[in-house]
Protein backbone atom coordinates (compact mmCIF):
# COMPACT_ATOMS: atom_id res chain seq x y z
CA MET A 1 16.25 -29.77 2.05
CA PRO A 2 15.64 -32.72 -0.14
CA ASP A 3 15.39 -35.98 1.77
CA SER A 4 17.86 -37.47 -0.81
CA TYR A 5 20.67 -35.19 0.47
CA LEU A 6 19.89 -36.05 4.02
CA TYR A 7 20.25 -39.82 3.03
CA LYS A 8 23.58 -39.18 1.72
CA GLN A 9 24.74 -37.47 4.84
CA LEU A 10 23.86 -40.55 7.03
CA ASN A 11 26.64 -42.43 5.53
CA ASP A 12 29.04 -39.69 6.52
CA ILE A 13 27.91 -39.51 10.25
CA LYS A 14 30.46 -41.18 12.77
CA PRO A 15 28.85 -42.92 15.74
CA SER A 16 30.13 -41.05 18.94
CA ARG A 17 30.72 -41.95 22.47
CA ILE A 18 27.81 -40.27 24.48
CA ALA A 19 26.83 -40.09 28.18
CA VAL A 20 23.32 -39.80 28.98
CA VAL A 21 22.56 -38.09 32.43
CA GLY A 22 19.10 -37.86 33.71
CA ASP A 23 15.82 -39.39 35.01
CA ILE A 24 15.71 -42.98 34.30
CA ILE A 25 12.28 -44.47 33.79
CA LEU A 26 10.60 -47.85 32.99
CA ASP A 27 7.67 -47.62 30.70
CA GLN A 28 4.90 -50.38 30.92
CA TYR A 29 2.06 -50.89 28.53
CA LEU A 30 -0.89 -53.07 29.57
CA LYS A 31 -2.88 -53.52 26.47
CA GLY A 32 -6.34 -55.47 26.20
CA GLU A 33 -9.90 -54.96 25.51
CA ILE A 34 -12.86 -53.63 27.18
CA SER A 35 -16.23 -55.61 26.65
CA ARG A 36 -17.77 -55.36 30.01
CA ILE A 37 -18.59 -53.04 32.97
CA SER A 38 -17.26 -53.98 36.42
CA PRO A 39 -20.07 -55.05 38.85
CA GLU A 40 -18.20 -53.24 41.63
CA ALA A 41 -18.18 -49.77 40.07
CA PRO A 42 -19.30 -47.95 36.86
CA VAL A 43 -16.05 -48.69 35.15
CA GLY A 44 -14.87 -50.75 32.21
CA VAL A 45 -12.95 -53.98 32.91
CA LEU A 46 -9.72 -54.25 30.97
CA ASP A 47 -9.17 -57.76 29.69
CA CYS A 48 -5.26 -57.73 29.70
CA LEU A 49 -4.00 -59.27 26.55
CA SER A 50 -0.20 -58.09 26.61
CA ASP A 51 2.20 -56.54 29.06
CA ASN A 52 5.17 -54.83 27.49
CA LEU A 53 8.09 -53.02 29.10
CA HIS A 54 10.14 -50.23 27.31
CA LEU A 55 12.90 -47.79 28.39
CA GLY A 56 11.53 -44.50 29.20
CA GLY A 57 13.06 -40.98 30.08
CA ALA A 58 16.92 -40.73 29.98
CA ALA A 59 17.05 -44.61 29.48
CA ASN A 60 14.92 -44.12 26.16
CA VAL A 61 17.36 -41.30 25.18
CA ALA A 62 20.26 -43.86 25.59
CA GLY A 63 18.18 -46.61 23.87
CA ASN A 64 17.76 -44.40 20.82
CA LEU A 65 21.12 -43.39 20.69
CA ALA A 66 22.24 -47.15 20.94
CA GLU A 67 19.92 -47.78 18.16
CA LEU A 68 21.76 -45.21 15.93
CA GLY A 69 24.99 -46.92 16.64
CA CYS A 70 26.63 -44.89 19.50
CA LYS A 71 28.47 -46.16 22.43
CA VAL A 72 26.46 -45.14 25.33
CA SER A 73 26.79 -44.80 28.91
CA LEU A 74 23.82 -43.96 31.26
CA ILE A 75 24.22 -42.07 34.56
CA GLY A 76 21.20 -41.54 36.84
CA VAL A 77 19.61 -43.18 39.82
CA VAL A 78 17.19 -46.20 40.30
CA GLY A 79 15.87 -47.82 43.54
CA LYS A 80 16.62 -51.15 45.03
CA ASP A 81 13.68 -52.83 43.55
CA GLU A 82 12.55 -55.49 40.73
CA THR A 83 11.82 -52.46 38.38
CA ALA A 84 15.43 -51.70 38.44
CA LYS A 85 16.30 -55.18 37.57
CA GLU A 86 13.83 -55.08 34.59
CA LEU A 87 15.42 -51.86 33.49
CA LYS A 88 18.87 -53.18 33.60
CA LYS A 89 17.89 -56.22 31.59
CA LEU A 90 16.67 -53.85 28.82
CA LEU A 91 19.72 -51.68 28.80
CA LYS A 92 21.95 -54.82 28.79
CA ALA A 93 20.17 -55.91 25.64
CA LYS A 94 21.12 -52.69 23.83
CA LYS A 95 24.40 -52.81 25.06
CA ILE A 96 24.14 -49.64 27.22
CA GLU A 97 26.99 -49.18 29.73
CA THR A 98 25.45 -48.73 33.34
CA SER A 99 28.08 -48.50 35.68
CA GLY A 100 27.13 -44.93 36.30
CA ILE A 101 23.82 -45.75 37.58
CA VAL A 102 23.66 -45.11 41.45
CA VAL A 103 21.20 -47.40 43.52
CA SER A 104 19.15 -45.66 46.09
CA ALA A 105 17.25 -47.63 48.81
CA ASP A 106 15.30 -44.39 49.74
CA ARG A 107 13.33 -44.04 46.41
CA PRO A 108 11.72 -46.44 43.94
CA THR A 109 12.89 -46.70 40.29
CA THR A 110 10.35 -44.49 38.40
CA LYS A 111 7.74 -46.73 36.65
CA LYS A 112 4.91 -45.41 34.41
CA THR A 113 2.13 -48.03 33.58
CA ARG A 114 -0.11 -47.10 30.64
CA LEU A 115 -3.41 -48.99 30.39
CA MET A 116 -4.49 -49.29 26.59
CA ALA A 117 -7.68 -50.46 24.80
CA GLN A 118 -8.58 -50.07 21.06
CA GLY A 119 -5.46 -48.12 20.70
CA GLN A 120 -6.32 -45.47 23.14
CA GLN A 121 -4.68 -44.71 26.52
CA LEU A 122 -7.21 -44.87 29.18
CA MET A 123 -5.15 -44.27 32.18
CA ARG A 124 -1.49 -43.87 33.36
CA VAL A 125 -0.32 -44.94 36.68
CA ASP A 126 3.15 -43.58 38.02
CA ARG A 127 5.12 -44.91 40.72
CA GLU A 128 7.84 -42.47 41.56
CA LYS A 129 9.42 -40.04 44.19
CA ARG A 130 10.02 -36.65 42.81
CA LEU A 131 11.71 -35.25 45.88
CA PRO A 132 15.42 -33.85 45.00
CA ILE A 133 18.03 -36.39 45.41
CA PRO A 134 20.04 -36.45 48.73
CA ALA A 135 23.51 -34.89 48.91
CA GLU A 136 25.14 -38.19 49.26
CA ILE A 137 23.57 -39.54 45.97
CA GLU A 138 24.28 -36.10 44.10
CA LYS A 139 28.04 -36.56 45.08
CA LYS A 140 27.91 -40.11 43.65
CA ILE A 141 26.53 -38.96 40.34
CA ALA A 142 28.96 -36.09 40.11
CA VAL A 143 31.99 -38.39 40.80
CA ALA A 144 30.94 -41.13 38.24
CA PHE A 145 30.32 -38.24 35.71
CA GLU A 146 33.91 -36.53 36.27
CA LEU A 147 35.63 -40.03 36.25
CA LYS A 148 34.17 -40.71 32.70
CA ILE A 149 34.09 -37.46 31.18
CA LYS A 150 37.19 -37.83 29.25
CA SER A 151 35.90 -40.90 27.48
CA PHE A 152 32.97 -39.19 26.08
CA ASP A 153 32.51 -37.17 22.86
CA GLY A 154 29.40 -35.38 24.14
CA ILE A 155 26.59 -35.24 26.88
CA VAL A 156 23.10 -35.46 26.67
CA VAL A 157 20.98 -34.46 29.77
CA SER A 158 17.33 -35.61 29.83
CA ASP A 159 15.43 -33.67 32.51
CA TYR A 160 12.02 -35.12 33.41
CA ASN A 161 11.76 -33.20 36.63
CA LYS A 162 11.97 -36.38 38.81
CA GLY A 163 14.52 -34.95 41.28
CA LEU A 164 17.73 -36.20 39.93
CA LEU A 165 18.98 -32.92 38.23
CA THR A 166 19.12 -30.43 41.15
CA ASN A 167 20.42 -27.04 40.53
CA SER A 168 23.87 -27.84 42.23
CA LEU A 169 24.12 -31.12 40.09
CA LEU A 170 23.35 -29.46 36.77
CA ALA A 171 25.93 -26.54 37.60
CA LYS A 172 28.58 -29.29 38.19
CA LEU A 173 27.61 -31.18 35.10
CA ILE A 174 27.66 -28.16 32.79
CA SER A 175 30.78 -26.80 34.29
CA THR A 176 32.79 -30.12 34.07
CA ALA A 177 31.52 -30.58 30.38
CA ARG A 178 32.87 -27.06 29.52
CA LYS A 179 36.21 -27.60 31.24
CA ASN A 180 36.76 -30.54 29.47
CA GLY A 181 35.58 -29.18 26.08
CA LYS A 182 32.60 -31.45 25.77
CA LEU A 183 29.33 -30.45 24.09
CA ILE A 184 26.43 -30.58 26.37
CA ILE A 185 22.86 -30.75 25.03
CA ILE A 186 19.92 -30.46 27.48
CA ASP A 187 16.19 -31.41 27.14
CA PRO A 188 14.74 -29.01 29.94
CA LYS A 189 11.75 -29.03 32.07
CA GLY A 190 10.28 -26.40 34.41
CA ASP A 191 9.72 -22.64 34.13
CA SER A 192 13.08 -21.45 34.90
CA TYR A 193 15.90 -22.15 32.73
CA SER A 194 18.63 -20.41 35.09
CA LYS A 195 19.71 -24.11 36.01
CA TYR A 196 20.77 -24.46 32.58
CA LYS A 197 23.07 -21.42 32.51
CA GLY A 198 26.17 -22.05 30.18
CA ALA A 199 24.75 -25.10 28.39
CA ASP A 200 25.54 -25.49 24.66
CA ILE A 201 22.17 -26.33 23.39
CA ILE A 202 18.61 -26.81 24.88
CA THR A 203 15.53 -28.41 23.30
CA PRO A 204 12.40 -27.07 24.71
CA ASN A 205 8.84 -27.61 23.14
CA ARG A 206 6.60 -24.65 22.35
CA LEU A 207 4.92 -24.83 25.78
CA GLU A 208 8.24 -24.93 27.63
CA LEU A 209 9.63 -22.23 25.69
CA GLU A 210 6.69 -20.01 26.42
CA ARG A 211 6.87 -20.67 30.15
CA ALA A 212 10.61 -20.20 30.21
CA SER A 213 10.51 -16.93 28.23
CA GLY A 214 7.18 -15.56 29.25
CA ILE A 215 6.34 -14.86 25.58
CA LYS A 216 3.50 -16.39 23.86
CA CYS A 217 4.92 -18.51 20.80
CA ASP A 218 2.23 -18.02 18.20
CA SER A 219 4.19 -16.88 15.31
CA ALA A 220 7.85 -17.29 13.69
CA LYS A 221 8.72 -14.03 15.08
CA THR A 222 7.60 -14.67 18.75
CA VAL A 223 9.25 -18.07 18.81
CA GLU A 224 12.66 -16.40 17.69
CA LYS A 225 12.01 -13.58 20.33
CA ALA A 226 11.53 -16.23 23.03
CA ALA A 227 14.44 -18.29 22.08
CA ARG A 228 16.86 -15.20 21.86
CA THR A 229 15.57 -14.17 25.24
CA ILE A 230 16.57 -17.35 26.84
CA ILE A 231 20.04 -17.42 24.93
CA LYS A 232 20.63 -13.91 26.25
CA LYS A 233 19.47 -14.22 29.73
CA HIS A 234 21.11 -17.58 30.58
CA LYS A 235 23.94 -17.60 28.38
CA ILE A 236 23.01 -20.65 26.48
CA LYS A 237 24.57 -20.98 23.09
CA SER A 238 21.74 -22.44 21.05
CA VAL A 239 18.06 -23.27 21.37
CA LEU A 240 16.46 -25.92 19.14
CA ALA A 241 12.91 -25.48 19.76
CA THR A 242 10.36 -28.28 19.01
CA LEU A 243 7.07 -26.72 17.63
CA GLY A 244 4.80 -29.82 16.80
CA ALA A 245 2.85 -29.35 13.75
CA ASP A 246 5.18 -26.50 12.76
CA GLY A 247 8.41 -28.52 12.82
CA MET A 248 11.47 -27.02 14.62
CA ALA A 249 13.30 -23.88 14.89
CA LEU A 250 17.25 -23.49 15.60
CA PHE A 251 18.57 -20.29 17.01
CA SER A 252 22.12 -19.22 18.12
CA PRO A 253 23.30 -15.93 19.42
CA LYS A 254 24.64 -14.74 15.92
CA GLY A 255 23.12 -15.08 12.65
CA LYS A 256 19.57 -15.91 11.45
CA GLY A 257 17.64 -18.48 12.84
CA SER A 258 16.39 -21.38 10.74
CA PHE A 259 12.98 -22.96 10.78
CA VAL A 260 12.59 -26.75 9.73
CA PRO A 261 9.19 -27.59 8.28
CA THR A 262 7.26 -30.57 9.91
CA PHE A 263 7.83 -34.18 8.54
CA ALA A 264 4.26 -34.75 7.90
CA ARG A 265 2.93 -38.10 9.71
CA GLU A 266 -0.21 -39.05 11.15
CA VAL A 267 0.24 -38.68 14.96
CA TYR A 268 -0.48 -41.79 16.70
CA ASP A 269 1.36 -41.28 20.04
CA VAL A 270 3.75 -38.36 21.02
CA THR A 271 5.43 -40.49 23.90
CA GLY A 272 9.01 -40.48 23.48
CA ALA A 273 9.20 -38.01 20.59
CA GLY A 274 11.40 -35.58 22.54
CA ASP A 275 13.87 -38.37 23.38
CA THR A 276 14.14 -39.37 19.67
CA VAL A 277 14.63 -35.81 18.69
CA ILE A 278 17.25 -34.85 21.20
CA ALA A 279 19.19 -38.29 20.61
CA THR A 280 19.10 -37.92 16.89
CA PHE A 281 20.33 -34.36 16.99
CA ALA A 282 23.13 -35.40 19.32
CA PHE A 283 24.24 -38.31 17.03
CA ALA A 284 24.13 -36.16 13.97
CA LEU A 285 25.85 -33.09 15.49
CA LEU A 286 28.51 -35.10 17.41
CA GLY A 287 29.08 -37.10 14.22
CA GLY A 288 29.94 -34.30 12.02
CA LEU A 289 26.77 -32.78 10.59
CA SER A 290 26.09 -29.11 10.94
CA PRO A 291 23.57 -27.95 13.35
CA ASP A 292 20.94 -27.24 10.59
CA TYR A 293 21.21 -30.58 8.97
CA SER A 294 21.36 -32.24 12.65
CA ALA A 295 18.02 -30.46 13.13
CA ARG A 296 16.45 -31.61 9.90
CA LEU A 297 17.39 -35.17 10.61
CA SER A 298 16.12 -35.04 14.23
CA ASN A 299 13.02 -33.45 12.93
CA HIS A 300 12.47 -36.45 10.49
CA ALA A 301 13.19 -38.98 13.24
CA GLY A 302 10.72 -37.43 15.46
CA GLY A 303 7.94 -37.79 12.82
CA LEU A 304 8.56 -41.40 12.75
CA GLN A 305 8.36 -41.74 16.42
CA VAL A 306 4.86 -40.20 16.55
CA ALA A 307 3.50 -42.60 14.33
CA ARG A 308 4.44 -45.38 16.77
CA LEU A 309 2.74 -46.47 19.93
CA GLY A 310 4.86 -45.85 23.02
CA ALA A 311 8.39 -44.68 23.45
CA VAL A 312 10.24 -46.96 21.00
CA SER A 313 13.58 -46.24 19.81
CA ILE A 314 14.04 -45.38 15.97
CA GLY A 315 17.04 -47.01 14.40
CA LEU A 316 19.38 -45.59 11.68
CA GLU A 317 18.00 -48.09 9.00
CA GLU A 318 14.54 -47.09 9.61
CA ILE A 319 15.39 -43.53 9.00
CA ARG A 320 17.32 -44.36 6.02
CA SER A 321 14.21 -46.20 4.51
CA SER A 322 12.06 -43.48 5.22
CA LEU A 323 14.21 -40.77 3.74
CA PHE A 324 14.13 -42.90 0.42
CA ALA A 325 10.35 -43.45 0.67
CA GLY A 326 9.82 -39.68 0.90
CA GLU A 327 11.09 -36.85 -1.24
CA GLY A 328 14.50 -38.48 -2.12
CA SER A 329 15.55 -40.69 -5.11
CA LYS A 330 14.27 -44.40 -5.10
CA VAL A 331 17.16 -45.35 -7.23
CA VAL A 332 19.87 -46.95 -4.98
CA ASP A 333 22.90 -49.27 -5.17
CA ILE A 334 23.34 -52.65 -3.71
CA LYS A 335 24.76 -51.61 -0.21
CA GLU A 336 21.86 -49.07 0.29
CA ALA A 337 19.30 -51.50 -0.77
CA ALA A 338 20.49 -54.35 1.53
CA GLY A 339 20.53 -51.96 4.54
CA ILE A 340 17.03 -50.79 3.88
CA SER A 341 15.80 -54.50 3.46
CA ALA A 342 17.37 -55.52 6.73
CA ALA A 343 15.61 -52.62 8.45
CA LEU A 344 12.44 -53.86 6.82
CA ARG A 345 12.47 -57.33 7.82
CA LYS A 346 13.44 -56.23 11.40
CA ASN A 347 10.01 -54.40 11.39
CA LYS A 348 8.40 -57.76 10.01
CA LYS A 349 7.72 -56.18 6.49
CA LYS A 350 7.21 -58.23 3.56
CA ILE A 351 9.88 -57.56 0.75
CA VAL A 352 8.90 -58.31 -2.99
CA PHE A 353 11.64 -58.59 -5.69
CA THR A 354 11.46 -58.43 -9.33
CA ASN A 355 13.70 -57.49 -12.57
CA GLY A 356 13.59 -56.64 -15.86
CA CYS A 357 14.51 -54.33 -18.87
CA PHE A 358 11.25 -52.13 -18.66
CA ASP A 359 12.05 -50.38 -21.87
CA LEU A 360 9.04 -48.21 -23.23
CA ILE A 361 6.55 -48.78 -20.39
CA HIS A 362 3.14 -50.17 -21.44
CA TYR A 363 0.13 -51.03 -19.53
CA GLY A 364 1.16 -54.62 -19.19
CA HIS A 365 4.16 -53.48 -17.11
CA ILE A 366 1.90 -51.41 -14.89
CA GLN A 367 -0.55 -54.22 -14.31
CA TYR A 368 2.37 -56.64 -13.54
CA LEU A 369 3.93 -54.43 -10.99
CA GLN A 370 0.82 -53.65 -9.38
CA GLN A 371 0.13 -57.16 -8.83
CA ALA A 372 3.61 -57.66 -7.61
CA LYS A 373 3.06 -55.01 -5.09
CA LYS A 374 0.13 -56.44 -3.42
CA LEU A 375 2.30 -59.60 -2.40
CA GLY A 376 4.09 -57.59 0.20
CA ASP A 377 4.84 -54.03 1.75
CA TRP A 378 8.02 -53.10 -0.41
CA LEU A 379 8.74 -53.70 -3.93
CA VAL A 380 12.26 -53.66 -5.21
CA LEU A 381 12.62 -53.46 -8.94
CA ALA A 382 16.05 -54.52 -10.30
CA LEU A 383 16.70 -52.89 -13.77
CA ASN A 384 18.79 -54.30 -16.56
CA SER A 385 21.54 -51.84 -17.45
CA ASP A 386 21.84 -50.74 -21.05
CA LEU A 387 24.66 -53.30 -21.74
CA SER A 388 22.93 -56.20 -20.49
CA VAL A 389 19.48 -55.14 -22.42
CA ARG A 390 21.69 -55.11 -25.67
CA LYS A 391 22.87 -58.62 -24.85
CA LEU A 392 19.50 -59.67 -24.22
CA LYS A 393 17.41 -57.82 -26.91
CA GLY A 394 19.97 -57.02 -29.58
CA LYS A 395 21.27 -53.77 -31.35
CA GLY A 396 18.91 -50.79 -31.17
CA ARG A 397 17.80 -51.68 -27.66
CA PRO A 398 17.10 -50.00 -25.23
CA VAL A 399 15.12 -47.28 -26.68
CA LEU A 400 15.57 -45.46 -23.50
CA ASN A 401 18.81 -45.23 -21.47
CA GLU A 402 19.27 -46.78 -17.83
CA ASN A 403 18.96 -43.50 -16.19
CA ASP A 404 15.72 -42.49 -17.94
CA ARG A 405 14.27 -46.15 -17.32
CA ALA A 406 15.41 -46.18 -13.71
CA HIS A 407 13.69 -42.67 -12.82
CA ILE A 408 10.40 -43.50 -14.95
CA MET A 409 10.17 -46.75 -12.88
CA ALA A 410 10.90 -44.98 -9.58
CA ALA A 411 8.00 -42.42 -10.13
CA MET A 412 5.35 -45.18 -10.02
CA ASP A 413 3.62 -45.40 -6.74
CA CYS A 414 3.68 -49.38 -6.66
CA VAL A 415 7.57 -49.13 -7.14
CA ASP A 416 9.56 -48.59 -3.78
CA GLN A 417 13.11 -49.01 -4.72
CA VAL A 418 15.00 -49.31 -8.19
CA ILE A 419 18.46 -50.95 -8.48
CA ILE A 420 20.46 -50.98 -11.80
CA PHE A 421 22.35 -54.08 -12.25
CA LYS A 422 24.96 -55.07 -14.97
CA GLU A 423 25.52 -58.77 -14.28
CA PRO A 424 23.69 -61.34 -16.54
CA THR A 425 21.36 -62.04 -13.72
CA PRO A 426 20.30 -60.25 -10.55
CA ILE A 427 21.40 -63.27 -8.27
CA LYS A 428 23.90 -61.08 -6.34
CA LEU A 429 21.14 -58.65 -5.61
CA ILE A 430 18.60 -61.30 -4.63
CA LYS A 431 21.16 -62.80 -2.17
CA ALA A 432 21.81 -59.14 -0.84
CA ILE A 433 18.27 -58.27 -0.15
CA LYS A 434 16.87 -61.68 0.72
CA PRO A 435 13.29 -60.94 -0.36
CA ASP A 436 10.11 -62.72 0.79
CA PHE A 437 8.77 -63.21 -2.78
CA LEU A 438 10.82 -63.34 -6.10
CA VAL A 439 8.37 -62.38 -8.98
CA LYS A 440 8.70 -62.85 -12.61
CA GLY A 441 6.25 -62.85 -15.60
CA GLY A 442 4.01 -66.01 -16.28
CA ASP A 443 6.06 -67.00 -19.47
CA TYR A 444 8.90 -68.11 -17.15
CA LYS A 445 9.22 -71.64 -15.85
CA VAL A 446 9.59 -71.30 -11.89
CA LYS A 447 12.83 -73.45 -11.91
CA ASP A 448 14.24 -71.32 -14.77
CA ILE A 449 13.93 -68.15 -12.69
CA ALA A 450 17.40 -66.47 -11.30
CA GLY A 451 17.36 -67.02 -7.57
CA TYR A 452 14.88 -70.01 -7.43
CA GLY A 453 17.58 -72.18 -5.91
CA GLU A 454 18.59 -69.54 -3.43
CA ILE A 455 15.27 -67.91 -2.13
CA GLY A 456 14.26 -70.95 -0.04
CA LYS A 457 17.32 -70.65 2.12
CA TRP A 458 15.64 -67.92 3.98
CA GLY A 459 12.23 -68.82 3.78
CA GLY A 460 11.27 -67.14 0.45
CA LYS A 461 8.91 -67.93 -2.31
CA VAL A 462 8.98 -67.68 -6.01
CA LYS A 463 5.66 -66.22 -7.64
CA THR A 464 4.75 -65.76 -11.44
CA ILE A 465 2.47 -63.18 -12.51
CA SER A 466 1.06 -63.15 -16.17
CA TYR A 467 1.53 -60.21 -18.36
CA LYS A 468 -1.64 -58.75 -20.09
CA GLU A 469 -1.88 -60.29 -23.33
CA GLY A 470 -0.92 -58.50 -26.50
CA LYS A 471 1.23 -56.03 -24.74
CA SER A 472 4.90 -56.02 -25.13
CA THR A 473 7.67 -53.53 -25.68
CA SER A 474 8.68 -55.39 -28.84
CA GLY A 475 5.19 -55.22 -30.27
CA ILE A 476 5.34 -51.27 -29.62
CA ILE A 477 8.48 -50.87 -31.27
CA GLU A 478 7.29 -53.18 -34.19
CA LYS A 479 4.17 -51.02 -34.61
CA ILE A 480 6.12 -47.63 -34.54
CA ALA A 481 8.45 -48.90 -37.02
CA GLY A 482 5.57 -50.03 -39.31
CA HIS A 483 3.86 -46.59 -39.06
CA ALA A 484 7.06 -44.96 -39.99
CA THR A 485 7.75 -47.28 -43.10
CA ARG A 486 3.99 -46.50 -44.35
CA HIS A 487 4.44 -42.83 -43.69
CA ALA A 488 7.78 -42.92 -45.77
CA THR A 489 6.19 -44.91 -48.51
CA ARG A 490 3.15 -42.61 -48.85
CA GLY A 491 5.48 -39.62 -48.72
CA GLY A 492 7.67 -41.08 -51.63
CA ALA A 493 4.70 -41.72 -53.78
CA SER A 494 3.37 -38.21 -53.21
CA ARG A 495 6.77 -36.81 -54.45
CA LYS A 496 6.71 -39.09 -57.52
CA ARG A 497 3.21 -37.62 -58.61
C-alpha cells in the first residue's frame, strides 16, 4: 500500500472519544555519563545530566491517542504518593480526563526508572505492587467505567500485568462494552487469553502469541494458525499480531488474513512501541478506516516509535510528515505543507524554503539545491505554475509542464517537498510554512526577495546562493535552437546540391 494513499486517508479520519483502561505507569529516565569507577564497588558512577518523566503503560496509550487528536479518558489506579501527582501533571498537560483514576493508599503508583549512559540502558529500577487489586478498588473501577460508557466511541485496554486487570474486572469491562455496542481493543499480557474472551480485537506480539497458543510462530503459516487458534478458543473477533522485523498480521474468523510488511527504521528503543501501535490502530479504526488500513497506519507509527528513545507519543503531523518522506508523493498543497512544517518545528527541525521555475534542469540547479538543503533539515521547493512561468519568461516557456517539473524536482534526494503556486510571488506559502531560511540565487538583492519583510517576524533569515556560472535554462534553450537552425541550414544546402 503506497504511503501516499495512507496520507490521503489521514484527512478522512475523525478523532474519537476513547476510554483507556489499564495499568498506569510513570517512566523516569536518568541520563548521564560514566567516566569513573566507584571506590565503593567495581561499578561505574553515573554522573546524572538530566532527569525526564514520561507517561508509561496505559497512560502512554492515552497520551498517544491525545496526540492523535482524540478525546481521552483514563481509568485505572494510582497510589497516594508524589509519583501520582507527577503523573497527573503530565496527563493534564495533554488534556486527558482523569476522573476515572482511583487512588489506593495500599499500593504505590507504578514507576519505572531507567538509567541511561551513552545512549544505552544500564539498568531499570521498578517501584510497584503487582498483587491483584482488592475487591473494593475493582468495584470503583467498574462503576466509573459503567457511568462513562455511553460517552465513549470505543475502549482500549492496556494490560501490563500489574494487578489492575483481574479476570473478573476484564469480564465486566468486556461485557459492558458489548452490551453498549462499543468496540473494545486489548493489548494482552500473560500465557492464558481466556480472560479476554469476547473481546473485539487483541494485539499480542510474537512471543505472546506463541505462549497463548502453544504454537511456535516462525512462519506466516504458523502465525496464522496461532492467531486462528486463539480466535476460535476464546471467541475473540480479530487478532492483530505485531511481529517485529516481519511487520504485522491481521486475522478475523472469516476471510484471509493480511500481512503488513515492516516499516523499515533503525531500531533505537522498543519501549512504548506496543502502546503506539494499539493507540494508532484504535484511532484509525474508530475514525472510519478499514481494519487493514488501520493496521498499516499503526505499523508505520510503530516504526517511528522504535527510532526514538523512550515511550514518547507519536503525533498525527509526525506520521503525516513521515508518510510523505517515504514512498508517497512529495508534491503537496499549501495546507498539507503548513501542517508538516508545524510538526517539523515542534521537533526542532530547520526548514529551508526556495522557489523558482526549474524548467529544463541543469547542473547549476542541482548545485544550488544541494547547497540550500545543507542549511537545514527539510527543503521546501515552491514551483511556479505554467501560467506564472509564461508571465515571467514569455511565450514558449515552460518547456516542461508544471506536473512534469514538479515530479522531476520531487525525485531529487535533496528536495523534501514541492508545492506548485500560481500567485506572482510565493509570499502566501512563506507565511504559511514559516521557514527558518529563505533562499534565492546570488543574482538577487536580499531586500528584493519576496518574503524578506516577513521572515524576520518568526526569527527566520534570508540567504543567497550563487548559481554555477555559465549554466542556465535560457542558455540551454538557445543552444538547442542554434543546433536546430544549423542542422536545418545544412539539410537545405544538401537538398539544393
